[in-house]
C-alpha atoms as a PDB file:
ATOM      1  CA  MET A   1     -43.230 -12.197 274.749  1.00  0.00           C
ATOM      2  CA  ARG A   2     -44.225 -11.441 278.370  1.00  0.00           C
ATOM      3  CA  SER A   3     -41.830  -9.792 280.673  1.00  0.00           C
ATOM      4  CA  GLY A   4     -38.305 -10.708 281.282  1.00  0.00           C
ATOM      5  CA  GLY A   5     -38.161 -10.299 277.047  1.00  0.00           C
ATOM      6  CA  GLU A   6     -37.348  -6.325 276.944  1.00  0.00           C
ATOM      7  CA  GLY A   7     -36.268  -5.003 273.782  1.00  0.00           C
ATOM      8  CA  LYS A   8     -35.849  -6.435 270.266  1.00  0.00           C
ATOM      9  CA  TRP A   9     -34.667  -9.912 270.320  1.00  0.00           C
ATOM     10  CA  GLN A  10     -31.329 -10.339 268.724  1.00  0.00           C
ATOM     11  CA  GLY A  11     -32.077 -14.190 267.315  1.00  0.00           C
ATOM     12  CA  VAL A  12     -30.404 -17.253 267.732  1.00  0.00           C
ATOM     13  CA  PRO A  13     -26.834 -17.533 267.154  1.00  0.00           C
ATOM     14  CA  ASP A  14     -25.497 -18.370 263.515  1.00  0.00           C
ATOM     15  CA  ASP A  15     -23.751 -21.535 264.751  1.00  0.00           C
ATOM     16  CA  ALA A  16     -27.122 -22.404 266.689  1.00  0.00           C
ATOM     17  CA  PRO A  17     -27.530 -26.087 264.935  1.00  0.00           C
ATOM     18  CA  PHE A  18     -24.169 -26.849 266.035  1.00  0.00           C
ATOM     19  CA  ARG A  19     -24.193 -25.777 269.414  1.00  0.00           C
ATOM     20  CA  HIS A  20     -25.958 -24.363 272.264  1.00  0.00           C
ATOM     21  CA  PHE A  21     -29.132 -26.411 271.592  1.00  0.00           C
ATOM     22  CA  THR A  22     -31.285 -29.192 273.434  1.00  0.00           C
ATOM     23  CA  PRO A  23     -32.272 -31.996 271.696  1.00  0.00           C
ATOM     24  CA  THR A  24     -35.935 -32.047 271.772  1.00  0.00           C
ATOM     25  CA  PRO A  25     -38.391 -35.013 270.540  1.00  0.00           C
ATOM     26  CA  ASP A  26     -40.369 -34.746 267.333  1.00  0.00           C
ATOM     27  CA  ILE A  27     -43.238 -36.189 269.058  1.00  0.00           C
ATOM     28  CA  LEU A  28     -43.567 -33.252 271.244  1.00  0.00           C
ATOM     29  CA  PHE A  29     -44.168 -31.124 268.377  1.00  0.00           C
ATOM     30  CA  ASP A  30     -46.178 -33.311 266.450  1.00  0.00           C
ATOM     31  CA  ARG A  31     -48.590 -34.363 269.153  1.00  0.00           C
ATOM     32  CA  LEU A  32     -48.978 -31.684 272.097  1.00  0.00           C
ATOM     33  CA  LEU A  33     -48.031 -28.547 270.599  1.00  0.00           C
ATOM     34  CA  GLY A  34     -51.493 -27.012 269.574  1.00  0.00           C
ATOM     35  CA  ASN A  35     -53.146 -29.743 272.271  1.00  0.00           C
ATOM     36  CA  VAL A  36     -51.896 -28.176 275.429  1.00  0.00           C
ATOM     37  CA  THR A  37     -52.567 -24.863 277.167  1.00  0.00           C
ATOM     38  CA  PRO A  38     -49.901 -21.982 277.030  1.00  0.00           C
ATOM     39  CA  ALA A  39     -48.565 -23.316 280.841  1.00  0.00           C
ATOM     40  CA  GLU A  40     -48.803 -27.054 279.897  1.00  0.00           C
ATOM     41  CA  TRP A  41     -46.302 -26.283 277.193  1.00  0.00           C
ATOM     42  CA  GLU A  42     -43.956 -24.000 279.373  1.00  0.00           C
ATOM     43  CA  VAL A  43     -43.830 -26.589 281.913  1.00  0.00           C
ATOM     44  CA  ILE A  44     -43.080 -29.467 278.455  1.00  0.00           C
ATOM     45  CA  CYS A  45     -40.138 -26.819 277.579  1.00  0.00           C
ATOM     46  CA  TYR A  46     -38.908 -26.324 281.034  1.00  0.00           C
ATOM     47  CA  VAL A  47     -38.548 -29.729 281.608  1.00  0.00           C
ATOM     48  CA  VAL A  48     -36.780 -30.724 278.678  1.00  0.00           C
ATOM     49  CA  ARG A  49     -34.325 -28.151 278.957  1.00  0.00           C
ATOM     50  CA  GLN A  50     -33.284 -29.032 282.468  1.00  0.00           C
ATOM     51  CA  THR A  51     -33.518 -32.996 281.431  1.00  0.00           C
ATOM     52  CA  TYR A  52     -32.265 -33.374 277.707  1.00  0.00           C
ATOM     53  CA  GLY A  53     -30.537 -29.448 277.886  1.00  0.00           C
ATOM     54  CA  TRP A  54     -28.444 -30.996 280.585  1.00  0.00           C
ATOM     55  CA  LYS A  55     -28.035 -34.622 279.743  1.00  0.00           C
ATOM     56  CA  ALA A  56     -29.885 -35.296 282.758  1.00  0.00           C
ATOM     57  CA  PRO A  57     -32.486 -38.413 283.218  1.00  0.00           C
ATOM     58  CA  ALA A  58     -34.361 -36.057 285.317  1.00  0.00           C
ATOM     59  CA  HIS A  59     -34.949 -32.671 286.871  1.00  0.00           C
ATOM     60  CA  ALA A  60     -35.332 -31.865 291.057  1.00  0.00           C
ATOM     61  CA  VAL A  61     -37.353 -28.148 291.497  1.00  0.00           C
ATOM     62  CA  SER A  62     -39.790 -27.025 293.396  1.00  0.00           C
ATOM     63  CA  ILE A  63     -43.434 -25.547 292.228  1.00  0.00           C
ATOM     64  CA  ARG A  64     -42.334 -22.056 293.732  1.00  0.00           C
ATOM     65  CA  ALA A  65     -39.189 -22.172 291.650  1.00  0.00           C
ATOM     66  CA  LEU A  66     -40.575 -23.797 288.543  1.00  0.00           C
ATOM     67  CA  ALA A  67     -43.620 -21.076 288.855  1.00  0.00           C
ATOM     68  CA  ARG A  68     -40.791 -18.360 289.237  1.00  0.00           C
ATOM     69  CA  ALA A  69     -39.041 -19.560 286.289  1.00  0.00           C
ATOM     70  CA  LEU A  70     -41.819 -19.652 284.266  1.00  0.00           C
ATOM     71  CA  LYS A  71     -43.242 -16.385 284.993  1.00  0.00           C
ATOM     72  CA  ARG A  72     -46.697 -17.963 286.547  1.00  0.00           C
ATOM     73  CA  SER A  73     -48.351 -18.414 289.313  1.00  0.00           C
ATOM     74  CA  THR A  74     -48.001 -21.654 291.588  1.00  0.00           C
ATOM     75  CA  SER A  75     -51.392 -22.170 291.334  1.00  0.00           C
ATOM     76  CA  THR A  76     -51.152 -22.284 287.605  1.00  0.00           C
ATOM     77  CA  ILE A  77     -47.987 -24.426 287.593  1.00  0.00           C
ATOM     78  CA  ARG A  78     -50.054 -27.048 289.653  1.00  0.00           C
ATOM     79  CA  GLN A  79     -52.414 -26.928 287.651  1.00  0.00           C
ATOM     80  CA  ALA A  80     -50.255 -27.350 284.317  1.00  0.00           C
ATOM     81  CA  VAL A  81     -48.341 -30.400 286.075  1.00  0.00           C
ATOM     82  CA  ALA A  82     -51.497 -32.337 286.939  1.00  0.00           C
ATOM     83  CA  ARG A  83     -53.107 -32.046 283.902  1.00  0.00           C
ATOM     84  CA  LEU A  84     -49.731 -33.376 282.215  1.00  0.00           C
ATOM     85  CA  GLU A  85     -49.484 -35.974 284.781  1.00  0.00           C
ATOM     86  CA  GLN A  86     -52.969 -37.279 283.883  1.00  0.00           C
ATOM     87  CA  ARG A  87     -52.448 -36.863 279.807  1.00  0.00           C
ATOM     88  CA  GLY A  88     -49.323 -39.520 280.947  1.00  0.00           C
ATOM     89  CA  VAL A  89     -46.975 -36.858 279.748  1.00  0.00           C
ATOM     90  CA  LEU A  90     -45.279 -35.928 282.601  1.00  0.00           C
ATOM     91  CA  LEU A  91     -43.420 -38.375 285.401  1.00  0.00           C
ATOM     92  CA  VAL A  92     -43.216 -36.271 288.944  1.00  0.00           C
ATOM     93  CA  GLU A  93     -41.366 -38.341 291.745  1.00  0.00           C
ATOM     94  CA  ARG A  94     -43.114 -35.814 295.023  1.00  0.00           C
ATOM     95  CA  SER A  95     -41.288 -35.781 298.200  1.00  0.00           C
ATOM     96  CA  ARG A  96     -41.992 -34.685 301.479  1.00  0.00           C
ATOM     97  CA  GLY A  97     -39.599 -33.154 304.321  1.00  0.00           C
ATOM     98  CA  GLU A  98     -39.189 -34.616 307.466  1.00  0.00           C
ATOM     99  CA  ASP A  99     -42.093 -32.703 308.936  1.00  0.00           C
ATOM    100  CA  GLY A 100     -44.359 -33.977 306.598  1.00  0.00           C
ATOM    101  CA  THR A 101     -44.520 -30.825 304.340  1.00  0.00           C
ATOM    102  CA  PRO A 102     -43.881 -31.171 300.490  1.00  0.00           C
ATOM    103  CA  ALA A 103     -40.586 -30.557 299.517  1.00  0.00           C
ATOM    104  CA  VAL A 104     -38.779 -30.544 295.909  1.00  0.00           C
ATOM    105  CA  ASN A 105     -40.472 -32.505 293.075  1.00  0.00           C
ATOM    106  CA  VAL A 106     -38.362 -34.503 290.529  1.00  0.00           C
ATOM    107  CA  TYR A 107     -40.359 -33.759 287.100  1.00  0.00           C
ATOM    108  CA  ARG A 108     -39.289 -35.903 283.820  1.00  0.00           C
ATOM    109  CA  LEU A 109     -41.293 -36.757 280.738  1.00  0.00           C
ATOM    110  CA  ARG A 110     -42.460 -39.960 280.125  1.00  0.00           C
ATOM    111  CA  ARG A 111     -40.976 -42.427 278.119  1.00  0.00           C
ATOM    112  CA  GLN A 112     -42.545 -45.633 275.779  1.00  0.00           C
ATOM    113  CA  SER A 113     -40.824 -47.896 278.091  1.00  0.00           C
ATOM    114  CA  ASP A 114     -42.523 -46.615 281.501  1.00  0.00           C
ATOM    115  CA  PRO A 115     -45.766 -48.051 283.193  1.00  0.00           C
END
């Protein structure tokens, strides 16, 4: 484990299959695990947790906050997000502040019904 995982991990709760879980589409494991970089996989997992885990259609977060949450550099996260967009895994709605500077982006996994 990277930093932040100090000490021995205590394991998942005994009631884990029934509580405290995030539903995750099997296709992510079947098609993407092992075919994306570790940083890309972490972005996918973060988006899944923040969307499916909270039953939300999308999640708004800045690149800086995303990088901080994943303990990665902003450049690494930008590259991972760009690659996932290119591959059609991730959809990102970008916004700009009134002064034209980048603002918080909205992320979600691409669905089969998306164009």
